[in-house]
Amino acid sequence: SALFNFQSLLLVLLLTICTCTYVRAVAPSIVDRNKDGFLGVFWKCARIGEKRLSPYVALACVAMAVNLVL
């Protein structure tokens, strides 16, 4: 389970951020209509991956890839 392994939890979080950002770039109406409630988490992940923290997300993805390869 990803909840008990920190590396797996980070991987799931990074994949969620990247996936939400991609879906918002392709079809923004899907993500933008769900800003409140439980599905608002995906909107927030898309916002994190877009502009505000995208360099940090990219560095985290590269670090995770290097960690998985080694």
PDB file of N, CA and C in Angstrom:
ATOM      1  N   SER A   1       0.833  -1.178   0.000  1.00  0.00           N
ATOM      2  CA  SER A   1       0.000   0.000   0.000  1.00  0.00           C
ATOM      3  C   SER A   1       0.878   1.242   0.000  1.00  0.00           C
ATOM      4  N   ALA A   2       0.450   2.259  -0.713  1.00  0.00           N
ATOM      5  CA  ALA A   2       1.236   3.485  -0.838  1.00  0.00           C
ATOM      6  C   ALA A   2       1.199   4.324   0.431  1.00  0.00           C
ATOM      7  N   LEU A   3       0.280   4.042   1.324  1.00  0.00           N
ATOM      8  CA  LEU A   3       0.191   4.844   2.544  1.00  0.00           C
ATOM      9  C   LEU A   3       1.310   4.544   3.528  1.00  0.00           C
ATOM     10  N   PHE A   4       1.848   3.348   3.500  1.00  0.00           N
ATOM     11  CA  PHE A   4       2.828   2.946   4.492  1.00  0.00           C
ATOM     12  C   PHE A   4       4.261   3.034   3.986  1.00  0.00           C
ATOM     13  N   ASN A   5       4.442   3.295   2.715  1.00  0.00           N
ATOM     14  CA  ASN A   5       5.772   3.423   2.140  1.00  0.00           C
ATOM     15  C   ASN A   5       5.923   4.854   1.629  1.00  0.00           C
ATOM     16  N   PHE A   6       6.869   5.603   2.188  1.00  0.00           N
ATOM     17  CA  PHE A   6       7.005   7.019   1.866  1.00  0.00           C
ATOM     18  C   PHE A   6       7.353   7.232   0.399  1.00  0.00           C
ATOM     19  N   GLN A   7       8.205   6.402  -0.156  1.00  0.00           N
ATOM     20  CA  GLN A   7       8.580   6.537  -1.569  1.00  0.00           C
ATOM     21  C   GLN A   7       7.376   6.304  -2.475  1.00  0.00           C
ATOM     22  N   SER A   8       6.564   5.333  -2.164  1.00  0.00           N
ATOM     23  CA  SER A   8       5.362   5.069  -2.964  1.00  0.00           C
ATOM     24  C   SER A   8       4.347   6.194  -2.822  1.00  0.00           C
ATOM     25  N   LEU A   9       4.242   6.755  -1.631  1.00  0.00           N
ATOM     26  CA  LEU A   9       3.332   7.875  -1.417  1.00  0.00           C
ATOM     27  C   LEU A   9       3.755   9.086  -2.244  1.00  0.00           C
ATOM     28  N   LEU A  10       5.046   9.386  -2.271  1.00  0.00           N
ATOM     29  CA  LEU A  10       5.546  10.481  -3.093  1.00  0.00           C
ATOM     30  C   LEU A  10       5.316  10.217  -4.578  1.00  0.00           C
ATOM     31  N   LEU A  11       5.508   8.998  -4.997  1.00  0.00           N
ATOM     32  CA  LEU A  11       5.293   8.647  -6.398  1.00  0.00           C
ATOM     33  C   LEU A  11       3.828   8.840  -6.787  1.00  0.00           C
ATOM     34  N   VAL A  12       2.919   8.403  -5.953  1.00  0.00           N
ATOM     35  CA  VAL A  12       1.492   8.576  -6.224  1.00  0.00           C
ATOM     36  C   VAL A  12       1.133  10.060  -6.253  1.00  0.00           C
ATOM     37  N   LEU A  13       1.690  10.838  -5.344  1.00  0.00           N
ATOM     38  CA  LEU A  13       1.421  12.271  -5.309  1.00  0.00           C
ATOM     39  C   LEU A  13       1.944  12.963  -6.565  1.00  0.00           C
ATOM     40  N   LEU A  14       3.145  12.637  -6.996  1.00  0.00           N
ATOM     41  CA  LEU A  14       3.702  13.225  -8.209  1.00  0.00           C
ATOM     42  C   LEU A  14       2.909  12.826  -9.450  1.00  0.00           C
ATOM     43  N   LEU A  15       2.523  11.568  -9.529  1.00  0.00           N
ATOM     44  CA  LEU A  15       1.721  11.125 -10.670  1.00  0.00           C
ATOM     45  C   LEU A  15       0.351  11.796 -10.694  1.00  0.00           C
ATOM     46  N   THR A  16      -0.241  12.024  -9.529  1.00  0.00           N
ATOM     47  CA  THR A  16      -1.523  12.712  -9.461  1.00  0.00           C
ATOM     48  C   THR A  16      -1.393  14.148  -9.936  1.00  0.00           C
ATOM     49  N   ILE A  17      -0.353  14.837  -9.478  1.00  0.00           N
ATOM     50  CA  ILE A  17      -0.132  16.221  -9.887  1.00  0.00           C
ATOM     51  C   ILE A  17       0.089  16.307 -11.392  1.00  0.00           C
ATOM     52  N   CYS A  18       0.937  15.454 -11.919  1.00  0.00           N
ATOM     53  CA  CYS A  18       1.239  15.492 -13.353  1.00  0.00           C
ATOM     54  C   CYS A  18       0.016  15.119 -14.195  1.00  0.00           C
ATOM     55  N   THR A  19      -0.743  14.133 -13.760  1.00  0.00           N
ATOM     56  CA  THR A  19      -1.930  13.724 -14.501  1.00  0.00           C
ATOM     57  C   THR A  19      -2.992  14.814 -14.495  1.00  0.00           C
ATOM     58  N   CYS A  20      -3.223  15.428 -13.348  1.00  0.00           N
ATOM     59  CA  CYS A  20      -4.221  16.498 -13.268  1.00  0.00           C
ATOM     60  C   CYS A  20      -3.811  17.698 -14.113  1.00  0.00           C
ATOM     61  N   THR A  21      -2.525  18.011 -14.135  1.00  0.00           N
ATOM     62  CA  THR A  21      -2.047  19.116 -14.948  1.00  0.00           C
ATOM     63  C   THR A  21      -2.236  18.815 -16.431  1.00  0.00           C
ATOM     64  N   TYR A  22      -1.961  17.591 -16.832  1.00  0.00           N
ATOM     65  CA  TYR A  22      -2.142  17.204 -18.234  1.00  0.00           C
ATOM     66  C   TYR A  22      -3.620  17.245 -18.633  1.00  0.00           C
ATOM     67  N   VAL A  23      -4.482  16.712 -17.779  1.00  0.00           N
ATOM     68  CA  VAL A  23      -5.913  16.706 -18.091  1.00  0.00           C
ATOM     69  C   VAL A  23      -6.436  18.132 -18.174  1.00  0.00           C
ATOM     70  N   ARG A  24      -5.969  19.016 -17.317  1.00  0.00           N
ATOM     71  CA  ARG A  24      -6.421  20.412 -17.371  1.00  0.00           C
ATOM     72  C   ARG A  24      -5.921  21.105 -18.630  1.00  0.00           C
ATOM     73  N   ALA A  25      -4.740  20.726 -19.113  1.00  0.00           N
ATOM     74  CA  ALA A  25      -4.227  21.326 -20.350  1.00  0.00           C
ATOM     75  C   ALA A  25      -5.012  20.844 -21.565  1.00  0.00           C
ATOM     76  N   VAL A  26      -5.425  19.590 -21.556  1.00  0.00           N
ATOM     77  CA  VAL A  26      -6.147  19.017 -22.697  1.00  0.00           C
ATOM     78  C   VAL A  26      -7.624  19.385 -22.668  1.00  0.00           C
ATOM     79  N   ALA A  27      -8.252  19.228 -21.524  1.00  0.00           N
ATOM     80  CA  ALA A  27      -9.690  19.508 -21.385  1.00  0.00           C
ATOM     81  C   ALA A  27      -9.930  20.253 -20.075  1.00  0.00           C
ATOM     82  N   PRO A  28      -9.762  21.561 -20.068  1.00  0.00           N
ATOM     83  CA  PRO A  28      -9.862  22.309 -18.809  1.00  0.00           C
ATOM     84  C   PRO A  28     -11.244  22.280 -18.163  1.00  0.00           C
ATOM     85  N   SER A  29     -12.271  22.055 -18.930  1.00  0.00           N
ATOM     86  CA  SER A  29     -13.615  22.069 -18.345  1.00  0.00           C
ATOM     87  C   SER A  29     -13.832  20.912 -17.373  1.00  0.00           C
ATOM     88  N   ILE A  30     -13.129  19.818 -17.568  1.00  0.00           N
ATOM     89  CA  ILE A  30     -13.279  18.661 -16.684  1.00  0.00           C
ATOM     90  C   ILE A  30     -12.779  18.991 -15.284  1.00  0.00           C
ATOM     91  N   VAL A  31     -11.633  19.626 -15.193  1.00  0.00           N
ATOM     92  CA  VAL A  31     -11.024  19.910 -13.896  1.00  0.00           C
ATOM     93  C   VAL A  31     -11.604  21.181 -13.281  1.00  0.00           C
ATOM     94  N   ASP A  32     -11.883  22.186 -14.103  1.00  0.00           N
ATOM     95  CA  ASP A  32     -12.317  23.478 -13.576  1.00  0.00           C
ATOM     96  C   ASP A  32     -13.715  23.466 -12.974  1.00  0.00           C
ATOM     97  N   ARG A  33     -14.558  22.549 -13.401  1.00  0.00           N
ATOM     98  CA  ARG A  33     -15.918  22.547 -12.859  1.00  0.00           C
ATOM     99  C   ARG A  33     -15.981  21.934 -11.465  1.00  0.00           C
ATOM    100  N   ASN A  34     -14.916  21.290 -11.023  1.00  0.00           N
ATOM    101  CA  ASN A  34     -14.890  20.635  -9.711  1.00  0.00           C
ATOM    102  C   ASN A  34     -13.893  21.328  -8.785  1.00  0.00           C
ATOM    103  N   LYS A  35     -14.161  22.576  -8.430  1.00  0.00           N
ATOM    104  CA  LYS A  35     -13.249  23.305  -7.552  1.00  0.00           C
ATOM    105  C   LYS A  35     -13.567  23.094  -6.079  1.00  0.00           C
ATOM    106  N   ASP A  36     -14.738  22.625  -5.773  1.00  0.00           N
ATOM    107  CA  ASP A  36     -15.160  22.435  -4.386  1.00  0.00           C
ATOM    108  C   ASP A  36     -15.363  20.959  -4.102  1.00  0.00           C
ATOM    109  N   GLY A  37     -15.337  20.621  -2.827  1.00  0.00           N
ATOM    110  CA  GLY A  37     -15.590  19.251  -2.404  1.00  0.00           C
ATOM    111  C   GLY A  37     -14.376  18.353  -2.586  1.00  0.00           C
ATOM    112  N   PHE A  38     -14.646  17.066  -2.617  1.00  0.00           N
ATOM    113  CA  PHE A  38     -13.560  16.091  -2.720  1.00  0.00           C
ATOM    114  C   PHE A  38     -12.825  16.202  -4.045  1.00  0.00           C
ATOM    115  N   LEU A  39     -13.541  16.433  -5.130  1.00  0.00           N
ATOM    116  CA  LEU A  39     -12.907  16.536  -6.440  1.00  0.00           C
ATOM    117  C   LEU A  39     -12.097  17.820  -6.598  1.00  0.00           C
ATOM    118  N   GLY A  40     -12.236  18.746  -5.652  1.00  0.00           N
ATOM    119  CA  GLY A  40     -11.417  19.957  -5.659  1.00  0.00           C
ATOM    120  C   GLY A  40      -9.944  19.660  -5.440  1.00  0.00           C
ATOM    121  N   VAL A  41      -9.636  18.506  -4.888  1.00  0.00           N
ATOM    122  CA  VAL A  41      -8.236  18.102  -4.702  1.00  0.00           C
ATOM    123  C   VAL A  41      -7.540  18.001  -6.054  1.00  0.00           C
ATOM    124  N   PHE A  42      -8.245  17.509  -7.050  1.00  0.00           N
ATOM    125  CA  PHE A  42      -7.648  17.374  -8.374  1.00  0.00           C
ATOM    126  C   PHE A  42      -7.424  18.739  -9.020  1.00  0.00           C
ATOM    127  N   TRP A  43      -8.316  19.685  -8.758  1.00  0.00           N
ATOM    128  CA  TRP A  43      -8.129  21.048  -9.253  1.00  0.00           C
ATOM    129  C   TRP A  43      -6.906  21.683  -8.597  1.00  0.00           C
ATOM    130  N   LYS A  44      -6.744  21.449  -7.301  1.00  0.00           N
ATOM    131  CA  LYS A  44      -5.586  21.989  -6.592  1.00  0.00           C
ATOM    132  C   LYS A  44      -4.297  21.349  -7.089  1.00  0.00           C
ATOM    133  N   CYS A  45      -4.318  20.066  -7.367  1.00  0.00           N
ATOM    134  CA  CYS A  45      -3.133  19.401  -7.920  1.00  0.00           C
ATOM    135  C   CYS A  45      -2.784  19.969  -9.291  1.00  0.00           C
ATOM    136  N   ALA A  46      -3.784  20.263 -10.093  1.00  0.00           N
ATOM    137  CA  ALA A  46      -3.533  20.854 -11.411  1.00  0.00           C
ATOM    138  C   ALA A  46      -2.926  22.241 -11.269  1.00  0.00           C
ATOM    139  N   ARG A  47      -3.386  23.016 -10.300  1.00  0.00           N
ATOM    140  CA  ARG A  47      -2.830  24.350 -10.076  1.00  0.00           C
ATOM    141  C   ARG A  47      -1.389  24.272  -9.592  1.00  0.00           C
ATOM    142  N   ILE A  48      -1.074  23.293  -8.762  1.00  0.00           N
ATOM    143  CA  ILE A  48       0.301  23.117  -8.286  1.00  0.00           C
ATOM    144  C   ILE A  48       1.213  22.777  -9.455  1.00  0.00           C
ATOM    145  N   GLY A  49       0.766  21.921 -10.342  1.00  0.00           N
ATOM    146  CA  GLY A  49       1.598  21.492 -11.455  1.00  0.00           C
ATOM    147  C   GLY A  49       1.719  22.504 -12.574  1.00  0.00           C
ATOM    148  N   GLU A  50       0.828  23.472 -12.638  1.00  0.00           N
ATOM    149  CA  GLU A  50       0.841  24.405 -13.760  1.00  0.00           C
ATOM    150  C   GLU A  50       1.961  25.425 -13.674  1.00  0.00           C
ATOM    151  N   LYS A  51       1.793  26.442 -12.870  1.00  0.00           N
ATOM    152  CA  LYS A  51       2.732  27.551 -12.901  1.00  0.00           C
ATOM    153  C   LYS A  51       3.434  27.779 -11.582  1.00  0.00           C
ATOM    154  N   ARG A  52       2.711  27.666 -10.517  1.00  0.00           N
ATOM    155  CA  ARG A  52       3.269  28.113  -9.256  1.00  0.00           C
ATOM    156  C   ARG A  52       4.446  27.260  -8.798  1.00  0.00           C
ATOM    157  N   LEU A  53       4.304  25.959  -8.865  1.00  0.00           N
ATOM    158  CA  LEU A  53       5.349  25.086  -8.355  1.00  0.00           C
ATOM    159  C   LEU A  53       5.891  24.124  -9.394  1.00  0.00           C
ATOM    160  N   SER A  54       5.695  24.415 -10.660  1.00  0.00           N
ATOM    161  CA  SER A  54       6.104  23.467 -11.687  1.00  0.00           C
ATOM    162  C   SER A  54       7.606  23.191 -11.716  1.00  0.00           C
ATOM    163  N   PRO A  55       8.504  24.137 -11.435  1.00  0.00           N
ATOM    164  CA  PRO A  55       9.927  23.765 -11.396  1.00  0.00           C
ATOM    165  C   PRO A  55      10.227  22.763 -10.285  1.00  0.00           C
ATOM    166  N   TYR A  56       9.576  22.925  -9.157  1.00  0.00           N
ATOM    167  CA  TYR A  56       9.796  21.990  -8.054  1.00  0.00           C
ATOM    168  C   TYR A  56       9.213  20.617  -8.348  1.00  0.00           C
ATOM    169  N   VAL A  57       8.068  20.591  -9.003  1.00  0.00           N
ATOM    170  CA  VAL A  57       7.462  19.314  -9.390  1.00  0.00           C
ATOM    171  C   VAL A  57       8.344  18.613 -10.412  1.00  0.00           C
ATOM    172  N   ALA A  58       8.896  19.369 -11.360  1.00  0.00           N
ATOM    173  CA  ALA A  58       9.790  18.774 -12.357  1.00  0.00           C
ATOM    174  C   ALA A  58      11.050  18.213 -11.701  1.00  0.00           C
ATOM    175  N   LEU A  59      11.618  18.950 -10.769  1.00  0.00           N
ATOM    176  CA  LEU A  59      12.798  18.440 -10.058  1.00  0.00           C
ATOM    177  C   LEU A  59      12.459  17.207  -9.231  1.00  0.00           C
ATOM    178  N   ALA A  60      11.291  17.199  -8.620  1.00  0.00           N
ATOM    179  CA  ALA A  60      10.876  16.030  -7.850  1.00  0.00           C
ATOM    180  C   ALA A  60      10.677  14.818  -8.753  1.00  0.00           C
ATOM    181  N   CYS A  61      10.136  15.037  -9.957  1.00  0.00           N
ATOM    182  CA  CYS A  61       9.963  13.932 -10.911  1.00  0.00           C
ATOM    183  C   CYS A  61      11.311  13.376 -11.357  1.00  0.00           C
ATOM    184  N   VAL A  62      12.260  14.260 -11.626  1.00  0.00           N
ATOM    185  CA  VAL A  62      13.600  13.809 -12.025  1.00  0.00           C
ATOM    186  C   VAL A  62      14.267  13.066 -10.873  1.00  0.00           C
ATOM    187  N   ALA A  63      14.163  13.589  -9.672  1.00  0.00           N
ATOM    188  CA  ALA A  63      14.758  12.914  -8.511  1.00  0.00           C
ATOM    189  C   ALA A  63      14.127  11.552  -8.279  1.00  0.00           C
ATOM    190  N   MET A  64      12.820  11.454  -8.458  1.00  0.00           N
ATOM    191  CA  MET A  64      12.144  10.164  -8.276  1.00  0.00           C
ATOM    192  C   MET A  64      12.567   9.179  -9.357  1.00  0.00           C
ATOM    193  N   ALA A  65      12.728   9.658 -10.585  1.00  0.00           N
ATOM    194  CA  ALA A  65      13.159   8.784 -11.677  1.00  0.00           C
ATOM    195  C   ALA A  65      14.576   8.265 -11.425  1.00  0.00           C
ATOM    196  N   VAL A  66      15.456   9.139 -10.989  1.00  0.00           N
ATOM    197  CA  VAL A  66      16.832   8.716 -10.683  1.00  0.00           C
ATOM    198  C   VAL A  66      16.827   7.726  -9.529  1.00  0.00           C
ATOM    199  N   ASN A  67      16.011   7.974  -8.531  1.00  0.00           N
ATOM    200  CA  ASN A  67      15.924   7.084  -7.391  1.00  0.00           C
ATOM    201  C   ASN A  67      15.394   5.709  -7.798  1.00  0.00           C
ATOM    202  N   LEU A  68      14.425   5.673  -8.701  1.00  0.00           N
ATOM    203  CA  LEU A  68      13.873   4.395  -9.127  1.00  0.00           C
ATOM    204  C   LEU A  68      14.847   3.615 -10.015  1.00  0.00           C
ATOM    205  N   VAL A  69      15.634   4.345 -10.812  1.00  0.00           N
ATOM    206  CA  VAL A  69      16.596   3.674 -11.687  1.00  0.00           C
ATOM    207  C   VAL A  69      17.746   3.095 -10.878  1.00  0.00           C
ATOM    208  N   LEU A  70      18.187   3.848  -9.895  1.00  0.00           N
ATOM    209  CA  LEU A  70      19.315   3.377  -9.074  1.00  0.00           C
ATOM    210  C   LEU A  70      18.781   2.496  -7.981  1.00  0.00           C
TER     211      LEU A  70
END
